[in-house]
Structures are given as C-alpha cells and as structure tokens.
Amino acid sequence: MSYTIAAQVRTEIGKGSSRRLRHAKKVPGVIYGPGKEAISIVFEHKDIINIQENQDFYTSELTIALEGKDVKVRVQDMQRHAFKPMIEHVDFKFA
C-alpha cells in the first residue's frame, strides 16, 4: 500500500514554534539522511493520524508531497502525546 502526505517546508524552528503548530492541529517533522541536508516540514495532523493506524505504515516507503516535489521517505521516529491520541513530531529518513 502506498501512502502520501502533503507537507510544507517549515521556516520557523524551535520549541515555541512547534508548540504553536501543535495547537493549530499541525505536526512538525524533519526529513534527513546521509549526504543530504535535513528539511524541516509541517503537515496536518489529520493527514497522518488515520494512516499511522495501519501496521505497514511504519515499514513502508511513504511519499511526501513537498511543494511540487515527491520525496520518498520512511518513518524513523514518532513522538506521541503521553495520554491524548495526538502525534507531536515525526522524523523521516530519505528512502
């Protein structure tokens, strides 16, 4: 199964910026990998909360639609809220 997530490049970096994004129902994230520069991104919480319930989400190659380009990635790490059904941050690795 293939998964696609629409995202935007994030210009504001830091704890305060990430907190404001989470309150706006958005999820901050980063895409990184060897030999490539890291890209800070942000996407809608609703776009990932449903697809992450599928088991193959964590092992499949995902497509992130990032400003007109498709970037192939895999989930490296995901931080969740302690007791709310909420994702706080996702790390992706270039595939």
PDB file of N, CA and C in Angstrom:
ATOM      1  N   MET A   1       0.847  -1.179   0.000  1.00  0.00           N
ATOM      2  CA  MET A   1       0.000   0.000   0.000  1.00  0.00           C
ATOM      3  C   MET A   1       0.890   1.239   0.000  1.00  0.00           C
ATOM      4  N   SER A   2       0.505   2.258  -0.735  1.00  0.00           N
ATOM      5  CA  SER A   2       1.310   3.474  -0.762  1.00  0.00           C
ATOM      6  C   SER A   2       0.591   4.580   0.002  1.00  0.00           C
ATOM      7  N   TYR A   3       1.367   5.377   0.691  1.00  0.00           N
ATOM      8  CA  TYR A   3       0.841   6.480   1.483  1.00  0.00           C
ATOM      9  C   TYR A   3       1.450   7.785   0.989  1.00  0.00           C
ATOM     10  N   THR A   4       0.626   8.819   0.900  1.00  0.00           N
ATOM     11  CA  THR A   4       1.096  10.133   0.501  1.00  0.00           C
ATOM     12  C   THR A   4       0.636  11.150   1.530  1.00  0.00           C
ATOM     13  N   ILE A   5       1.558  12.012   1.942  1.00  0.00           N
ATOM     14  CA  ILE A   5       1.266  13.061   2.911  1.00  0.00           C
ATOM     15  C   ILE A   5       1.675  14.394   2.289  1.00  0.00           C
ATOM     16  N   ALA A   6       0.765  15.359   2.309  1.00  0.00           N
ATOM     17  CA  ALA A   6       1.073  16.698   1.803  1.00  0.00           C
ATOM     18  C   ALA A   6       1.737  17.491   2.924  1.00  0.00           C
ATOM     19  N   ALA A   7       2.848  18.161   2.619  1.00  0.00           N
ATOM     20  CA  ALA A   7       3.588  18.912   3.633  1.00  0.00           C
ATOM     21  C   ALA A   7       4.122  20.210   3.054  1.00  0.00           C
ATOM     22  N   GLN A   8       4.517  21.104   3.938  1.00  0.00           N
ATOM     23  CA  GLN A   8       5.152  22.355   3.564  1.00  0.00           C
ATOM     24  C   GLN A   8       6.484  22.457   4.291  1.00  0.00           C
ATOM     25  N   VAL A   9       7.409  23.211   3.718  1.00  0.00           N
ATOM     26  CA  VAL A   9       8.685  23.463   4.378  1.00  0.00           C
ATOM     27  C   VAL A   9       8.423  24.403   5.546  1.00  0.00           C
ATOM     28  N   ARG A  10       9.038  24.120   6.676  1.00  0.00           N
ATOM     29  CA  ARG A  10       8.861  24.919   7.887  1.00  0.00           C
ATOM     30  C   ARG A  10      10.025  25.888   8.006  1.00  0.00           C
ATOM     31  N   THR A  11       9.713  27.165   8.139  1.00  0.00           N
ATOM     32  CA  THR A  11      10.771  28.172   8.239  1.00  0.00           C
ATOM     33  C   THR A  11      11.106  28.509   9.685  1.00  0.00           C
ATOM     34  N   GLU A  12      10.111  28.497  10.566  1.00  0.00           N
ATOM     35  CA  GLU A  12      10.364  28.786  11.983  1.00  0.00           C
ATOM     36  C   GLU A  12      10.746  27.497  12.687  1.00  0.00           C
ATOM     37  N   ILE A  13      11.871  27.528  13.372  1.00  0.00           N
ATOM     38  CA  ILE A  13      12.376  26.355  14.081  1.00  0.00           C
ATOM     39  C   ILE A  13      12.404  26.681  15.569  1.00  0.00           C
ATOM     40  N   GLY A  14      12.165  25.693  16.412  1.00  0.00           N
ATOM     41  CA  GLY A  14      12.275  25.899  17.843  1.00  0.00           C
ATOM     42  C   GLY A  14      11.065  25.373  18.594  1.00  0.00           C
ATOM     43  N   LYS A  15      11.205  25.363  19.916  1.00  0.00           N
ATOM     44  CA  LYS A  15      10.168  24.820  20.783  1.00  0.00           C
ATOM     45  C   LYS A  15       8.878  25.631  20.710  1.00  0.00           C
ATOM     46  N   GLY A  16       8.987  26.958  20.765  1.00  0.00           N
ATOM     47  CA  GLY A  16       7.803  27.812  20.726  1.00  0.00           C
ATOM     48  C   GLY A  16       7.045  27.679  19.418  1.00  0.00           C
ATOM     49  N   SER A  17       7.778  27.646  18.326  1.00  0.00           N
ATOM     50  CA  SER A  17       7.169  27.487  17.009  1.00  0.00           C
ATOM     51  C   SER A  17       6.462  26.137  16.903  1.00  0.00           C
ATOM     52  N   SER A  18       7.096  25.083  17.372  1.00  0.00           N
ATOM     53  CA  SER A  18       6.495  23.748  17.325  1.00  0.00           C
ATOM     54  C   SER A  18       5.243  23.686  18.184  1.00  0.00           C
ATOM     55  N   ARG A  19       5.256  24.330  19.322  1.00  0.00           N
ATOM     56  CA  ARG A  19       4.094  24.363  20.212  1.00  0.00           C
ATOM     57  C   ARG A  19       2.922  25.075  19.516  1.00  0.00           C
ATOM     58  N   ARG A  20       3.200  26.200  18.850  1.00  0.00           N
ATOM     59  CA  ARG A  20       2.142  26.916  18.130  1.00  0.00           C
ATOM     60  C   ARG A  20       1.562  26.053  17.009  1.00  0.00           C
ATOM     61  N   LEU A  21       2.403  25.314  16.325  1.00  0.00           N
ATOM     62  CA  LEU A  21       1.923  24.430  15.263  1.00  0.00           C
ATOM     63  C   LEU A  21       1.012  23.346  15.830  1.00  0.00           C
ATOM     64  N   ARG A  22       1.400  22.742  16.951  1.00  0.00           N
ATOM     65  CA  ARG A  22       0.593  21.677  17.548  1.00  0.00           C
ATOM     66  C   ARG A  22      -0.778  22.192  17.981  1.00  0.00           C
ATOM     67  N   HIS A  23      -0.829  23.405  18.512  1.00  0.00           N
ATOM     68  CA  HIS A  23      -2.115  23.995  18.902  1.00  0.00           C
ATOM     69  C   HIS A  23      -2.992  24.257  17.687  1.00  0.00           C
ATOM     70  N   ALA A  24      -2.388  24.443  16.526  1.00  0.00           N
ATOM     71  CA  ALA A  24      -3.122  24.665  15.281  1.00  0.00           C
ATOM     72  C   ALA A  24      -3.424  23.348  14.558  1.00  0.00           C
ATOM     73  N   LYS A  25      -3.298  22.221  15.261  1.00  0.00           N
ATOM     74  CA  LYS A  25      -3.553  20.882  14.704  1.00  0.00           C
ATOM     75  C   LYS A  25      -2.625  20.539  13.557  1.00  0.00           C
ATOM     76  N   LYS A  26      -1.373  20.945  13.669  1.00  0.00           N
ATOM     77  CA  LYS A  26      -0.348  20.605  12.690  1.00  0.00           C
ATOM     78  C   LYS A  26       0.752  19.815  13.390  1.00  0.00           C
ATOM     79  N   VAL A  27       1.507  19.058  12.609  1.00  0.00           N
ATOM     80  CA  VAL A  27       2.575  18.228  13.156  1.00  0.00           C
ATOM     81  C   VAL A  27       3.904  18.666  12.549  1.00  0.00           C
ATOM     82  N   PRO A  28       4.856  19.084  13.389  1.00  0.00           N
ATOM     83  CA  PRO A  28       6.193  19.381  12.863  1.00  0.00           C
ATOM     84  C   PRO A  28       6.951  18.079  12.610  1.00  0.00           C
ATOM     85  N   GLY A  29       7.883  18.135  11.683  1.00  0.00           N
ATOM     86  CA  GLY A  29       8.678  16.958  11.382  1.00  0.00           C
ATOM     87  C   GLY A  29       9.975  17.352  10.710  1.00  0.00           C
ATOM     88  N   VAL A  30      10.808  16.351  10.478  1.00  0.00           N
ATOM     89  CA  VAL A  30      12.079  16.590   9.804  1.00  0.00           C
ATOM     90  C   VAL A  30      12.369  15.385   8.903  1.00  0.00           C
ATOM     91  N   ILE A  31      12.964  15.673   7.748  1.00  0.00           N
ATOM     92  CA  ILE A  31      13.424  14.620   6.836  1.00  0.00           C
ATOM     93  C   ILE A  31      14.936  14.738   6.777  1.00  0.00           C
ATOM     94  N   TYR A  32      15.636  13.632   7.014  1.00  0.00           N
ATOM     95  CA  TYR A  32      17.097  13.669   6.991  1.00  0.00           C
ATOM     96  C   TYR A  32      17.638  12.373   6.429  1.00  0.00           C
ATOM     97  N   GLY A  33      18.919  12.373   6.149  1.00  0.00           N
ATOM     98  CA  GLY A  33      19.571  11.178   5.643  1.00  0.00           C
ATOM     99  C   GLY A  33      21.019  11.476   5.309  1.00  0.00           C
ATOM    100  N   PRO A  34      21.798  10.440   5.081  1.00  0.00           N
ATOM    101  CA  PRO A  34      23.217  10.640   4.797  1.00  0.00           C
ATOM    102  C   PRO A  34      23.439  11.357   3.466  1.00  0.00           C
ATOM    103  N   GLY A  35      24.319  12.345   3.488  1.00  0.00           N
ATOM    104  CA  GLY A  35      24.678  13.056   2.279  1.00  0.00           C
ATOM    105  C   GLY A  35      23.666  14.085   1.813  1.00  0.00           C
ATOM    106  N   LYS A  36      22.596  14.278   2.562  1.00  0.00           N
ATOM    107  CA  LYS A  36      21.582  15.264   2.179  1.00  0.00           C
ATOM    108  C   LYS A  36      21.312  16.171   3.367  1.00  0.00           C
ATOM    109  N   GLU A  37      20.951  17.396   3.064  1.00  0.00           N
ATOM    110  CA  GLU A  37      20.659  18.344   4.124  1.00  0.00           C
ATOM    111  C   GLU A  37      19.262  18.075   4.695  1.00  0.00           C
ATOM    112  N   ALA A  38      19.121  18.229   6.002  1.00  0.00           N
ATOM    113  CA  ALA A  38      17.836  17.998   6.664  1.00  0.00           C
ATOM    114  C   ALA A  38      16.822  19.045   6.230  1.00  0.00           C
ATOM    115  N   ILE A  39      15.561  18.618   6.110  1.00  0.00           N
ATOM    116  CA  ILE A  39      14.470  19.506   5.722  1.00  0.00           C
ATOM    117  C   ILE A  39      13.440  19.503   6.843  1.00  0.00           C
ATOM    118  N   SER A  40      13.160  20.676   7.420  1.00  0.00           N
ATOM    119  CA  SER A  40      12.110  20.795   8.430  1.00  0.00           C
ATOM    120  C   SER A  40      10.786  20.983   7.717  1.00  0.00           C
ATOM    121  N   ILE A  41       9.786  20.181   8.115  1.00  0.00           N
ATOM    122  CA  ILE A  41       8.483  20.224   7.450  1.00  0.00           C
ATOM    123  C   ILE A  41       7.368  20.359   8.474  1.00  0.00           C
ATOM    124  N   VAL A  42       6.181  20.630   7.981  1.00  0.00           N
ATOM    125  CA  VAL A  42       4.970  20.653   8.798  1.00  0.00           C
ATOM    126  C   VAL A  42       3.829  20.115   7.951  1.00  0.00           C
ATOM    127  N   PHE A  43       2.939  19.336   8.568  1.00  0.00           N
ATOM    128  CA  PHE A  43       1.793  18.796   7.850  1.00  0.00           C
ATOM    129  C   PHE A  43       0.607  18.710   8.799  1.00  0.00           C
ATOM    130  N   GLU A  44      -0.563  18.486   8.242  1.00  0.00           N
ATOM    131  CA  GLU A  44      -1.802  18.427   9.023  1.00  0.00           C
ATOM    132  C   GLU A  44      -1.850  17.148   9.857  1.00  0.00           C
ATOM    133  N   HIS A  45      -2.315  17.282  11.092  1.00  0.00           N
ATOM    134  CA  HIS A  45      -2.427  16.133  11.988  1.00  0.00           C
ATOM    135  C   HIS A  45      -3.385  15.091  11.419  1.00  0.00           C
ATOM    136  N   LYS A  46      -4.484  15.548  10.842  1.00  0.00           N
ATOM    137  CA  LYS A  46      -5.484  14.618  10.299  1.00  0.00           C
ATOM    138  C   LYS A  46      -4.925  13.770   9.160  1.00  0.00           C
ATOM    139  N   ASP A  47      -3.900  14.272   8.472  1.00  0.00           N
ATOM    140  CA  ASP A  47      -3.318  13.534   7.355  1.00  0.00           C
ATOM    141  C   ASP A  47      -2.543  12.300   7.805  1.00  0.00           C
ATOM    142  N   ILE A  48      -2.046  12.316   9.028  1.00  0.00           N
ATOM    143  CA  ILE A  48      -1.210  11.198   9.475  1.00  0.00           C
ATOM    144  C   ILE A  48      -1.876  10.330  10.536  1.00  0.00           C
ATOM    145  N   ILE A  49      -2.804  10.879  11.308  1.00  0.00           N
ATOM    146  CA  ILE A  49      -3.372  10.119  12.428  1.00  0.00           C
ATOM    147  C   ILE A  49      -4.094   8.857  11.962  1.00  0.00           C
ATOM    148  N   ASN A  50      -4.785   8.927  10.832  1.00  0.00           N
ATOM    149  CA  ASN A  50      -5.519   7.751  10.363  1.00  0.00           C
ATOM    150  C   ASN A  50      -4.616   6.727   9.689  1.00  0.00           C
ATOM    151  N   ILE A  51      -3.679   7.178   8.873  1.00  0.00           N
ATOM    152  CA  ILE A  51      -2.844   6.206   8.161  1.00  0.00           C
ATOM    153  C   ILE A  51      -1.821   5.540   9.070  1.00  0.00           C
ATOM    154  N   GLN A  52      -1.459   6.169  10.192  1.00  0.00           N
ATOM    155  CA  GLN A  52      -0.478   5.548  11.080  1.00  0.00           C
ATOM    156  C   GLN A  52      -1.067   4.371  11.857  1.00  0.00           C
ATOM    157  N   GLU A  53      -2.379   4.198  11.802  1.00  0.00           N
ATOM    158  CA  GLU A  53      -3.002   3.056  12.466  1.00  0.00           C
ATOM    159  C   GLU A  53      -2.756   1.752  11.713  1.00  0.00           C
ATOM    160  N   ASN A  54      -2.382   1.830  10.438  1.00  0.00           N
ATOM    161  CA  ASN A  54      -2.062   0.636   9.653  1.00  0.00           C
ATOM    162  C   ASN A  54      -0.655   0.160  10.005  1.00  0.00           C
ATOM    163  N   GLN A  55      -0.504  -1.130  10.207  1.00  0.00           N
ATOM    164  CA  GLN A  55       0.790  -1.681  10.622  1.00  0.00           C
ATOM    165  C   GLN A  55       1.887  -1.445   9.596  1.00  0.00           C
ATOM    166  N   ASP A  56       1.560  -1.519   8.321  1.00  0.00           N
ATOM    167  CA  ASP A  56       2.601  -1.381   7.304  1.00  0.00           C
ATOM    168  C   ASP A  56       3.062   0.062   7.117  1.00  0.00           C
ATOM    169  N   PHE A  57       2.428   1.023   7.766  1.00  0.00           N
ATOM    170  CA  PHE A  57       2.840   2.423   7.694  1.00  0.00           C
ATOM    171  C   PHE A  57       4.281   2.587   8.173  1.00  0.00           C
ATOM    172  N   TYR A  58       4.669   1.868   9.195  1.00  0.00           N
ATOM    173  CA  TYR A  58       5.983   2.027   9.813  1.00  0.00           C
ATOM    174  C   TYR A  58       7.108   1.361   9.023  1.00  0.00           C
ATOM    175  N   THR A  59       6.772   0.467   8.110  1.00  0.00           N
ATOM    176  CA  THR A  59       7.802  -0.229   7.344  1.00  0.00           C
ATOM    177  C   THR A  59       7.737   0.084   5.846  1.00  0.00           C
ATOM    178  N   SER A  60       6.703   0.789   5.430  1.00  0.00           N
ATOM    179  CA  SER A  60       6.528   1.103   4.004  1.00  0.00           C
ATOM    180  C   SER A  60       7.269   2.376   3.624  1.00  0.00           C
ATOM    181  N   GLU A  61       7.514   2.494   2.335  1.00  0.00           N
ATOM    182  CA  GLU A  61       8.060   3.734   1.792  1.00  0.00           C
ATOM    183  C   GLU A  61       6.891   4.699   1.589  1.00  0.00           C
ATOM    184  N   LEU A  62       6.991   5.882   2.154  1.00  0.00           N
ATOM    185  CA  LEU A  62       5.949   6.888   2.058  1.00  0.00           C
ATOM    186  C   LEU A  62       6.352   7.947   1.043  1.00  0.00           C
ATOM    187  N   THR A  63       5.386   8.664   0.525  1.00  0.00           N
ATOM    188  CA  THR A  63       5.647   9.780  -0.362  1.00  0.00           C
ATOM    189  C   THR A  63       5.184  11.048   0.331  1.00  0.00           C
ATOM    190  N   ILE A  64       6.078  12.021   0.434  1.00  0.00           N
ATOM    191  CA  ILE A  64       5.708  13.320   0.977  1.00  0.00           C
ATOM    192  C   ILE A  64       5.676  14.297  -0.183  1.00  0.00           C
ATOM    193  N   ALA A  65       4.494  14.866  -0.415  1.00  0.00           N
ATOM    194  CA  ALA A  65       4.322  15.866  -1.477  1.00  0.00           C
ATOM    195  C   ALA A  65       4.757  17.203  -0.891  1.00  0.00           C
ATOM    196  N   LEU A  66       5.965  17.609  -1.248  1.00  0.00           N
ATOM    197  CA  LEU A  66       6.584  18.778  -0.639  1.00  0.00           C
ATOM    198  C   LEU A  66       6.799  19.850  -1.692  1.00  0.00           C
ATOM    199  N   GLU A  67       5.894  20.815  -1.727  1.00  0.00           N
ATOM    200  CA  GLU A  67       5.985  21.963  -2.629  1.00  0.00           C
ATOM    201  C   GLU A  67       6.246  21.552  -4.085  1.00  0.00           C
ATOM    202  N   GLY A  68       5.406  20.674  -4.603  1.00  0.00           N
ATOM    203  CA  GLY A  68       5.504  20.283  -6.002  1.00  0.00           C
ATOM    204  C   GLY A  68       6.436  19.123  -6.284  1.00  0.00           C
ATOM    205  N   LYS A  69       7.198  18.672  -5.292  1.00  0.00           N
ATOM    206  CA  LYS A  69       8.097  17.530  -5.484  1.00  0.00           C
ATOM    207  C   LYS A  69       7.617  16.376  -4.617  1.00  0.00           C
ATOM    208  N   ASP A  70       7.814  15.167  -5.101  1.00  0.00           N
ATOM    209  CA  ASP A  70       7.530  13.983  -4.296  1.00  0.00           C
ATOM    210  C   ASP A  70       8.826  13.470  -3.709  1.00  0.00           C
ATOM    211  N   VAL A  71       8.854  13.340  -2.390  1.00  0.00           N
ATOM    212  CA  VAL A  71      10.040  12.875  -1.677  1.00  0.00           C
ATOM    213  C   VAL A  71       9.718  11.517  -1.069  1.00  0.00           C
ATOM    214  N   LYS A  72      10.523  10.507  -1.376  1.00  0.00           N
ATOM    215  CA  LYS A  72      10.333   9.159  -0.834  1.00  0.00           C
ATOM    216  C   LYS A  72      11.047   9.059   0.513  1.00  0.00           C
ATOM    217  N   VAL A  73      10.293   8.621   1.539  1.00  0.00           N
ATOM    218  CA  VAL A  73      10.846   8.553   2.889  1.00  0.00           C
ATOM    219  C   VAL A  73      10.345   7.298   3.608  1.00  0.00           C
ATOM    220  N   ARG A  74      10.943   7.038   4.754  1.00  0.00           N
ATOM    221  CA  ARG A  74      10.479   6.016   5.702  1.00  0.00           C
ATOM    222  C   ARG A  74      10.397   6.661   7.071  1.00  0.00           C
ATOM    223  N   VAL A  75       9.477   6.190   7.903  1.00  0.00           N
ATOM    224  CA  VAL A  75       9.349   6.727   9.257  1.00  0.00           C
ATOM    225  C   VAL A  75      10.526   6.229  10.082  1.00  0.00           C
ATOM    226  N   GLN A  76      11.246   7.154  10.705  1.00  0.00           N
ATOM    227  CA  GLN A  76      12.366   6.803  11.569  1.00  0.00           C
ATOM    228  C   GLN A  76      11.939   6.820  13.036  1.00  0.00           C
ATOM    229  N   ASP A  77      11.188   7.867  13.424  1.00  0.00           N
ATOM    230  CA  ASP A  77      10.779   8.006  14.821  1.00  0.00           C
ATOM    231  C   ASP A  77       9.507   8.837  14.875  1.00  0.00           C
ATOM    232  N   MET A  78       8.661   8.554  15.863  1.00  0.00           N
ATOM    233  CA  MET A  78       7.425   9.302  16.026  1.00  0.00           C
ATOM    234  C   MET A  78       7.194   9.547  17.515  1.00  0.00           C
ATOM    235  N   GLN A  79       7.028  10.819  17.879  1.00  0.00           N
ATOM    236  CA  GLN A  79       6.735  11.152  19.268  1.00  0.00           C
ATOM    237  C   GLN A  79       5.240  11.397  19.403  1.00  0.00           C
ATOM    238  N   ARG A  80       4.652  10.769  20.423  1.00  0.00           N
ATOM    239  CA  ARG A  80       3.222  10.896  20.678  1.00  0.00           C
ATOM    240  C   ARG A  80       3.005  11.586  22.013  1.00  0.00           C
ATOM    241  N   HIS A  81       1.818  12.153  22.171  1.00  0.00           N
ATOM    242  CA  HIS A  81       1.442  12.762  23.448  1.00  0.00           C
ATOM    243  C   HIS A  81       1.283  11.644  24.471  1.00  0.00           C
ATOM    244  N   ALA A  82       1.543  11.955  25.721  1.00  0.00           N
ATOM    245  CA  ALA A  82       1.531  10.937  26.774  1.00  0.00           C
ATOM    246  C   ALA A  82       0.170  10.268  26.953  1.00  0.00           C
ATOM    247  N   PHE A  83      -0.928  11.023  26.865  1.00  0.00           N
ATOM    248  CA  PHE A  83      -2.230  10.392  27.079  1.00  0.00           C
ATOM    249  C   PHE A  83      -3.300  10.790  26.065  1.00  0.00           C
ATOM    250  N   LYS A  84      -3.055  11.793  25.246  1.00  0.00           N
ATOM    251  CA  LYS A  84      -4.012  12.171  24.201  1.00  0.00           C
ATOM    252  C   LYS A  84      -3.674  11.418  22.911  1.00  0.00           C
ATOM    253  N   PRO A  85      -4.679  11.147  22.087  1.00  0.00           N
ATOM    254  CA  PRO A  85      -4.386  10.496  20.799  1.00  0.00           C
ATOM    255  C   PRO A  85      -3.848  11.527  19.808  1.00  0.00           C
ATOM    256  N   MET A  86      -2.616  11.960  20.052  1.00  0.00           N
ATOM    257  CA  MET A  86      -2.039  13.043  19.278  1.00  0.00           C
ATOM    258  C   MET A  86      -0.572  12.750  18.964  1.00  0.00           C
ATOM    259  N   ILE A  87      -0.171  13.039  17.731  1.00  0.00           N
ATOM    260  CA  ILE A  87       1.225  12.879  17.334  1.00  0.00           C
ATOM    261  C   ILE A  87       1.883  14.245  17.462  1.00  0.00           C
ATOM    262  N   GLU A  88       3.046  14.294  18.119  1.00  0.00           N
ATOM    263  CA  GLU A  88       3.705  15.567  18.382  1.00  0.00           C
ATOM    264  C   GLU A  88       4.833  15.888  17.415  1.00  0.00           C
ATOM    265  N   HIS A  89       5.505  14.872  16.880  1.00  0.00           N
ATOM    266  CA  HIS A  89       6.634  15.116  15.978  1.00  0.00           C
ATOM    267  C   HIS A  89       6.965  13.823  15.252  1.00  0.00           C
ATOM    268  N   VAL A  90       7.380  13.921  13.986  1.00  0.00           N
ATOM    269  CA  VAL A  90       7.761  12.745  13.212  1.00  0.00           C
ATOM    270  C   VAL A  90       9.109  12.991  12.544  1.00  0.00           C
ATOM    271  N   ASP A  91       9.996  12.019  12.663  1.00  0.00           N
ATOM    272  CA  ASP A  91      11.277  12.043  11.958  1.00  0.00           C
ATOM    273  C   ASP A  91      11.175  11.052  10.800  1.00  0.00           C
ATOM    274  N   PHE A  92      11.509  11.534   9.618  1.00  0.00           N
ATOM    275  CA  PHE A  92      11.537  10.694   8.424  1.00  0.00           C
ATOM    276  C   PHE A  92      12.970  10.584   7.935  1.00  0.00           C
ATOM    277  N   LYS A  93      13.283   9.480   7.277  1.00  0.00           N
ATOM    278  CA  LYS A  93      14.608   9.280   6.692  1.00  0.00           C
ATOM    279  C   LYS A  93      14.405   9.118   5.189  1.00  0.00           C
ATOM    280  N   PHE A  94      15.280   9.780   4.396  1.00  0.00           N
ATOM    281  CA  PHE A  94      15.192   9.630   2.942  1.00  0.00           C
ATOM    282  C   PHE A  94      15.290   8.150   2.568  1.00  0.00           C
ATOM    283  N   ALA A  95      14.432   7.708   1.646  1.00  0.00           N
ATOM    284  CA  ALA A  95      14.435   6.300   1.235  1.00  0.00           C
ATOM    285  C   ALA A  95      15.349   6.109   0.040  1.00  0.00           C
TER     286      ALA A  95
END
